[in-house]
Amino acid sequence: MTMHKTHTEIGFIGLGIMGKPMVLNLIKAGFKIHFYARKRTIIKDVKKHGGIFHNKINLIAKHCNIIFLNLPDGKDVEEVICKKNNLWSSLHPNTIIIDMSTISPKKTIQLHNKLKEKKSWLLDCPVSGGEIGAKKGKLSIMVGGEKKIFNKIKKLLQTLGDKITYIGKSGSGQITKACNQILVASTMIAVSEILLLAEKSKTDRKLVQSALLGGFANSKILEIHGKRMIENNYKPGFKASLHLKDLKIAMKLSRDLNLKLKSANLSKSLIQKANDKKYQNLDSSVVNKIIKLIKK
C-alpha cells in the first residue's frame, strides 16, 4: 500500500475533543477524509474543511482501506468493527484499522485476531498529548501490532504526532498507554499538592511553578495542568471520566499480573472522587479540587 496523499482515501470514526483536530490535520496534509460523526456542529465544520461525511459506518469501509478509530471505550470499538451493519460487512481485504482509542490490551488482542478472518489488520495506536497535542500535530503515539503494517502507515501517523514509537506485538501500545495514564495521574496529584503547599504558605503559586519549570521538576503536567489549577480553569482537554476509565484498565492489568501498585491505586481513588463530585465532564486536572478537600 503506497501512501500517496492524492490517491489515499482515509476513514475516521470518532471526532471528539481529540479526533476532530486529528481529522483537520489529515485534511490539511492533503489526505481525502471520509468520516462518520453524530454532532451536527462537528459534521458541518469538518465538511467545510473538505471532509466527506457518511451517515452510515459501513460506507466508510466501502470507500477506505485505512480507517482510524478514536472512541471512548472497548465496547464502542468492538461495536464499530464487528457489528453486522457497521465496518464488518463492508471491510475490504488488507484494510488497516488504526485504533487510537484507549481500551484494554485484552480487548485489543481479541479484535486484532478477529480481523484476521477478514484478512485485515488492527494496530493499537493510543495517544498522549491531549487536545493541545492533537491540534498541533504533536501527539505521542504508542503502536502495537505487526511491524510490517506499522511501516506502511508510519508516515501517516507522523501527520498527527511528532513522537511515534513502535512498541511491539498487538496490545503493547495499550499497555504503554496504561503506564502513561498512571504516570500522568500521579504527577497531577503531586502538582496539586505542591500548589496547595505554596498557597497555604502564602507563597505565590505562579512563581513557584515558574521556578520548578526551570529544574528537574519540569514536566508538561506542571506546565499545562499546573496552569489550569492556578487559574481554576478546567475546560476539558481530557475528561475526568475518561481518565478514570483508563486507570481502571491499568489497575485491571496490574491485578491480572498480581501487582499491587499503591500510588496508581491512590490516583484512581482520587479521580474516582472527582467523578463522584460530578466533575466527570471537566478536565481530569480537576482532581486538584479533591486534594484541597482532603482533611488532615
Protein backbone atom coordinates (compact mmCIF):
# COMPACT_ATOMS: atom_id res chain seq x y z
CA MET A 1 0.00 0.00 0.00
CA THR A 2 1.61 3.24 -1.15
CA MET A 3 0.89 6.38 0.85
CA HIS A 4 0.26 8.91 -1.95
CA LYS A 5 -1.85 11.72 -0.49
CA THR A 6 -3.77 12.42 -3.68
CA HIS A 7 -4.84 8.79 -4.03
CA THR A 8 -5.27 7.68 -0.44
CA GLU A 9 -8.79 7.76 0.95
CA ILE A 10 -8.82 7.51 4.71
CA GLY A 11 -11.71 6.85 7.07
CA PHE A 12 -12.12 8.36 10.51
CA ILE A 13 -14.71 7.42 13.14
CA GLY A 14 -14.83 9.28 16.45
CA LEU A 15 -14.47 13.05 16.12
CA GLY A 16 -14.45 14.20 19.74
CA ILE A 17 -12.06 16.50 21.57
CA MET A 18 -9.07 14.62 20.16
CA GLY A 19 -10.49 13.15 16.96
CA LYS A 20 -11.68 16.33 15.30
CA PRO A 21 -8.30 18.13 15.33
CA MET A 22 -6.65 14.92 14.09
CA VAL A 23 -9.04 14.88 11.13
CA LEU A 24 -8.40 18.53 10.36
CA ASN A 25 -4.64 17.90 10.39
CA LEU A 26 -5.04 14.99 7.97
CA ILE A 27 -7.14 17.14 5.64
CA LYS A 28 -4.61 19.96 5.88
CA ALA A 29 -1.86 17.49 4.94
CA GLY A 30 -3.74 16.65 1.73
CA PHE A 31 -5.46 13.38 2.59
CA LYS A 32 -9.01 12.70 1.42
CA ILE A 33 -11.01 12.01 4.59
CA HIS A 34 -14.27 10.08 4.83
CA PHE A 35 -15.78 10.45 8.29
CA TYR A 36 -18.69 9.45 10.47
CA ALA A 37 -19.90 11.65 13.32
CA ARG A 38 -23.13 12.39 15.15
CA LYS A 39 -22.88 16.01 16.26
CA ARG A 40 -24.18 18.41 13.62
CA THR A 41 -21.73 21.15 14.54
CA ILE A 42 -18.77 18.79 14.03
CA ILE A 43 -20.19 17.44 10.77
CA LYS A 44 -20.74 20.95 9.42
CA ASP A 45 -17.27 22.17 10.39
CA VAL A 46 -15.35 19.17 9.04
CA LYS A 47 -17.33 19.24 5.78
CA LYS A 48 -16.43 22.92 5.46
CA HIS A 49 -12.75 21.94 5.59
CA GLY A 50 -13.20 19.29 2.90
CA GLY A 51 -14.14 16.14 4.82
CA ILE A 52 -16.63 13.73 3.23
CA PHE A 53 -19.43 12.81 5.63
CA HIS A 54 -21.20 9.44 5.63
CA ASN A 55 -24.30 8.79 7.70
CA LYS A 56 -23.60 5.05 7.95
CA ILE A 57 -20.44 3.49 9.35
CA ASN A 58 -20.31 0.71 6.76
CA LEU A 59 -19.90 3.29 3.99
CA ILE A 60 -16.53 4.24 5.49
CA ALA A 61 -15.30 0.67 4.91
CA LYS A 62 -16.59 0.68 1.32
CA HIS A 63 -14.50 3.74 0.45
CA CYS A 64 -11.38 3.28 2.58
CA ASN A 65 -8.61 0.74 3.16
CA ILE A 66 -7.22 2.72 6.08
CA ILE A 67 -9.61 3.59 8.91
CA PHE A 68 -8.88 5.50 12.11
CA LEU A 69 -10.93 4.94 15.26
CA ASN A 70 -10.90 7.27 18.24
CA LEU A 71 -13.69 6.08 20.52
CA PRO A 72 -14.50 6.26 24.25
CA ASP A 73 -14.09 2.59 25.22
CA GLY A 74 -13.60 -1.01 24.17
CA LYS A 75 -17.31 -1.71 23.81
CA ASP A 76 -17.61 1.11 21.27
CA VAL A 77 -14.57 -0.10 19.34
CA GLU A 78 -15.89 -3.66 19.19
CA GLU A 79 -19.33 -2.49 18.06
CA VAL A 80 -17.94 -0.25 15.31
CA ILE A 81 -15.70 -3.03 13.98
CA CYS A 82 -17.80 -6.15 14.47
CA LYS A 83 -21.47 -5.17 14.36
CA LYS A 84 -23.03 -6.51 11.17
CA ASN A 85 -24.16 -3.17 9.73
CA ASN A 86 -21.00 -1.30 10.73
CA LEU A 87 -17.49 -1.92 9.35
CA TRP A 88 -17.54 -5.72 9.38
CA SER A 89 -19.94 -6.26 6.48
CA SER A 90 -18.04 -3.96 4.13
CA LEU A 91 -14.36 -4.46 5.00
CA HIS A 92 -12.02 -5.00 2.06
CA PRO A 93 -9.14 -7.48 2.45
CA ASN A 94 -5.96 -5.80 3.71
CA THR A 95 -7.83 -2.98 5.38
CA ILE A 96 -5.76 -1.40 8.15
CA ILE A 97 -7.68 -0.20 11.20
CA ILE A 98 -5.69 2.25 13.30
CA ASP A 99 -7.29 2.31 16.74
CA MET A 100 -6.28 5.42 18.66
CA SER A 101 -8.79 4.71 21.43
CA THR A 102 -7.62 3.70 24.89
CA ILE A 103 -9.02 0.24 25.61
CA SER A 104 -7.84 -2.87 27.41
CA PRO A 105 -4.92 -4.81 25.90
CA LYS A 106 -7.04 -7.97 26.13
CA LYS A 107 -9.84 -6.46 24.02
CA THR A 108 -7.31 -5.15 21.51
CA ILE A 109 -5.79 -8.61 21.04
CA GLN A 110 -9.26 -10.15 20.63
CA LEU A 111 -10.18 -7.66 17.91
CA HIS A 112 -6.78 -8.00 16.26
CA ASN A 113 -7.31 -11.76 15.97
CA LYS A 114 -10.94 -11.34 14.88
CA LEU A 115 -9.95 -9.10 11.97
CA LYS A 116 -7.72 -11.83 10.59
CA GLU A 117 -10.98 -13.51 9.49
CA LYS A 118 -11.36 -10.60 7.07
CA LYS A 119 -7.66 -10.67 6.14
CA SER A 120 -7.43 -7.23 7.71
CA TRP A 121 -5.21 -5.64 10.34
CA LEU A 122 -5.59 -3.81 13.62
CA LEU A 123 -2.89 -1.59 15.08
CA ASP A 124 -3.39 -0.28 18.60
CA CYS A 125 -2.15 3.30 18.48
CA PRO A 126 -3.27 5.13 21.63
CA VAL A 127 -2.01 8.67 22.03
CA SER A 128 -0.85 11.11 24.66
CA GLY A 129 -0.64 14.88 24.44
CA GLY A 130 -4.20 16.00 24.98
CA GLU A 131 -6.23 18.39 22.88
CA ILE A 132 -3.25 20.75 22.56
CA GLY A 133 -1.07 17.99 21.10
CA ALA A 134 -3.86 16.90 18.75
CA LYS A 135 -4.30 20.43 17.41
CA LYS A 136 -0.58 20.98 16.91
CA GLY A 137 0.02 17.54 15.41
CA LYS A 138 2.44 16.83 18.24
CA LEU A 139 0.97 13.74 19.85
CA SER A 140 2.98 10.86 21.24
CA ILE A 141 1.70 7.70 19.55
CA MET A 142 2.39 4.24 21.01
CA VAL A 143 1.99 1.44 18.49
CA GLY A 144 1.24 -2.25 18.91
CA GLY A 145 0.74 -4.82 16.13
CA GLU A 146 2.62 -6.22 13.15
CA LYS A 147 5.69 -4.14 12.38
CA LYS A 148 5.28 -4.58 8.62
CA ILE A 149 1.84 -2.96 8.87
CA PHE A 150 3.19 -0.19 11.08
CA ASN A 151 5.87 0.56 8.48
CA LYS A 152 3.15 1.07 5.86
CA ILE A 153 1.36 3.76 7.85
CA LYS A 154 4.21 5.35 9.82
CA LYS A 155 4.36 8.45 7.61
CA LEU A 156 0.61 8.85 8.01
CA LEU A 157 0.98 8.79 11.79
CA GLN A 158 3.67 11.46 11.51
CA THR A 159 0.94 13.83 10.33
CA LEU A 160 -0.62 13.51 13.78
CA GLY A 161 2.34 13.09 16.10
CA ASP A 162 5.97 14.03 16.50
CA LYS A 163 6.86 11.03 18.67
CA ILE A 164 5.90 7.72 17.05
CA THR A 165 7.12 4.65 18.93
CA TYR A 166 6.63 1.08 17.75
CA ILE A 167 6.39 -0.93 20.99
CA GLY A 168 5.78 -4.49 19.82
CA LYS A 169 3.05 -7.06 19.33
CA SER A 170 -0.70 -6.39 19.45
CA GLY A 171 -1.78 -4.91 22.78
CA SER A 172 1.60 -3.44 23.64
CA GLY A 173 0.52 0.05 22.59
CA GLN A 174 -2.34 -0.18 25.08
CA ILE A 175 -0.03 -1.44 27.82
CA THR A 176 2.21 1.58 27.22
CA LYS A 177 -0.81 3.89 27.39
CA ALA A 178 -1.81 2.34 30.73
CA CYS A 179 1.67 3.21 32.03
CA ASN A 180 1.25 6.74 30.68
CA GLN A 181 -2.08 7.27 32.39
CA ILE A 182 -0.76 6.11 35.75
CA LEU A 183 2.20 8.48 35.47
CA VAL A 184 0.04 11.43 34.38
CA ALA A 185 -2.44 10.88 37.22
CA SER A 186 0.25 10.51 39.87
CA THR A 187 2.06 13.62 38.64
CA MET A 188 -1.16 15.65 38.59
CA ILE A 189 -1.73 14.77 42.22
CA ALA A 190 1.83 15.75 43.13
CA VAL A 191 1.37 19.09 41.32
CA SER A 192 -1.91 19.63 43.17
CA GLU A 193 -0.18 19.03 46.49
CA ILE A 194 2.78 21.35 45.89
CA LEU A 195 0.46 24.15 44.73
CA LEU A 196 -1.65 23.65 47.85
CA LEU A 197 1.50 23.75 49.98
CA ALA A 198 2.55 27.02 48.32
CA GLU A 199 -0.91 28.53 48.73
CA LYS A 200 -1.20 27.66 52.43
CA SER A 201 2.32 29.03 52.96
CA LYS A 202 1.17 32.34 51.40
CA THR A 203 3.69 31.93 48.59
CA ASP A 204 2.88 32.96 45.00
CA ARG A 205 1.88 29.76 43.20
CA LYS A 206 2.74 31.15 39.76
CA LEU A 207 6.27 31.96 40.87
CA VAL A 208 6.66 28.54 42.48
CA GLN A 209 5.50 26.92 39.25
CA SER A 210 7.86 29.09 37.18
CA ALA A 211 10.84 28.22 39.38
CA LEU A 212 10.13 24.49 39.25
CA LEU A 213 9.72 24.54 35.47
CA GLY A 214 13.38 25.55 35.29
CA GLY A 215 14.73 22.49 37.08
CA PHE A 216 14.46 18.70 37.31
CA ALA A 217 10.81 19.00 38.41
CA ASN A 218 9.89 20.36 34.98
CA SER A 219 7.10 18.46 33.24
CA LYS A 220 4.21 19.01 30.84
CA ILE A 221 1.88 18.25 33.74
CA LEU A 222 3.39 21.00 35.88
CA GLU A 223 3.32 23.38 32.91
CA ILE A 224 -0.14 22.73 31.45
CA HIS A 225 -2.18 21.23 34.28
CA GLY A 226 -0.44 23.42 36.84
CA LYS A 227 -1.63 26.44 34.86
CA ARG A 228 -5.18 25.07 34.83
CA MET A 229 -5.09 24.57 38.59
CA ILE A 230 -3.72 28.05 39.29
CA GLU A 231 -6.32 29.64 37.00
CA ASN A 232 -9.12 27.35 38.22
CA ASN A 233 -9.90 26.61 34.56
CA TYR A 234 -10.97 23.03 33.98
CA LYS A 235 -12.30 23.24 30.45
CA PRO A 236 -11.72 19.68 29.27
CA GLY A 237 -8.66 18.77 27.28
CA PHE A 238 -9.11 15.25 28.64
CA LYS A 239 -12.20 14.50 30.70
CA ALA A 240 -12.02 13.13 34.23
CA SER A 241 -14.46 10.37 33.25
CA LEU A 242 -12.10 9.12 30.54
CA HIS A 243 -9.06 9.29 32.80
CA LEU A 244 -10.93 7.19 35.36
CA LYS A 245 -11.81 4.67 32.66
CA ASP A 246 -8.15 4.47 31.63
CA LEU A 247 -6.97 3.99 35.21
CA LYS A 248 -9.46 1.17 35.69
CA ILE A 249 -7.91 -0.52 32.65
CA ALA A 250 -4.44 -0.04 34.15
CA MET A 251 -5.48 -1.40 37.54
CA LYS A 252 -7.17 -4.43 35.95
CA LEU A 253 -3.93 -5.12 34.09
CA SER A 254 -1.94 -4.85 37.33
CA ARG A 255 -4.31 -7.26 39.11
CA ASP A 256 -4.01 -9.75 36.27
CA LEU A 257 -0.23 -9.62 36.77
CA ASN A 258 -0.54 -9.94 40.57
CA LEU A 259 0.93 -6.49 41.09
CA LYS A 260 -0.03 -4.03 43.81
CA LEU A 261 0.55 -0.52 42.51
CA LYS A 262 -0.18 1.61 45.57
CA SER A 263 0.43 5.03 44.01
CA ALA A 264 -1.65 4.14 40.96
CA ASN A 265 -4.49 2.87 43.14
CA LEU A 266 -4.45 6.09 45.18
CA SER A 267 -4.57 8.14 41.97
CA LYS A 268 -7.53 6.13 40.74
CA SER A 269 -9.41 6.60 44.02
CA LEU A 270 -8.89 10.39 43.93
CA ILE A 271 -10.02 10.68 40.31
CA GLN A 272 -12.98 8.46 41.23
CA LYS A 273 -13.88 11.03 43.90
CA ALA A 274 -13.69 13.80 41.29
CA ASN A 275 -16.17 11.87 39.17
CA ASP A 276 -18.38 11.27 42.20
CA LYS A 277 -18.43 15.06 42.76
CA LYS A 278 -19.97 15.45 39.28
CA TYR A 279 -16.71 16.71 37.78
CA GLN A 280 -16.67 13.92 35.19
CA ASN A 281 -17.00 16.24 32.18
CA LEU A 282 -14.28 18.61 33.35
CA ASP A 283 -10.57 18.20 32.68
CA SER A 284 -9.03 15.47 34.81
CA SER A 285 -6.78 18.07 36.46
CA VAL A 286 -9.92 18.95 38.43
CA VAL A 287 -8.60 16.32 40.87
CA ASN A 288 -6.93 19.41 42.33
CA LYS A 289 -10.29 20.30 43.88
CA ILE A 290 -10.39 16.92 45.61
CA ILE A 291 -6.88 17.39 47.02
CA LYS A 292 -8.00 20.69 48.53
CA LEU A 293 -10.93 18.98 50.26
CA ILE A 294 -8.83 16.30 51.97
CA LYS A 295 -8.72 16.78 55.73
CA LYS A 296 -5.67 16.25 57.89
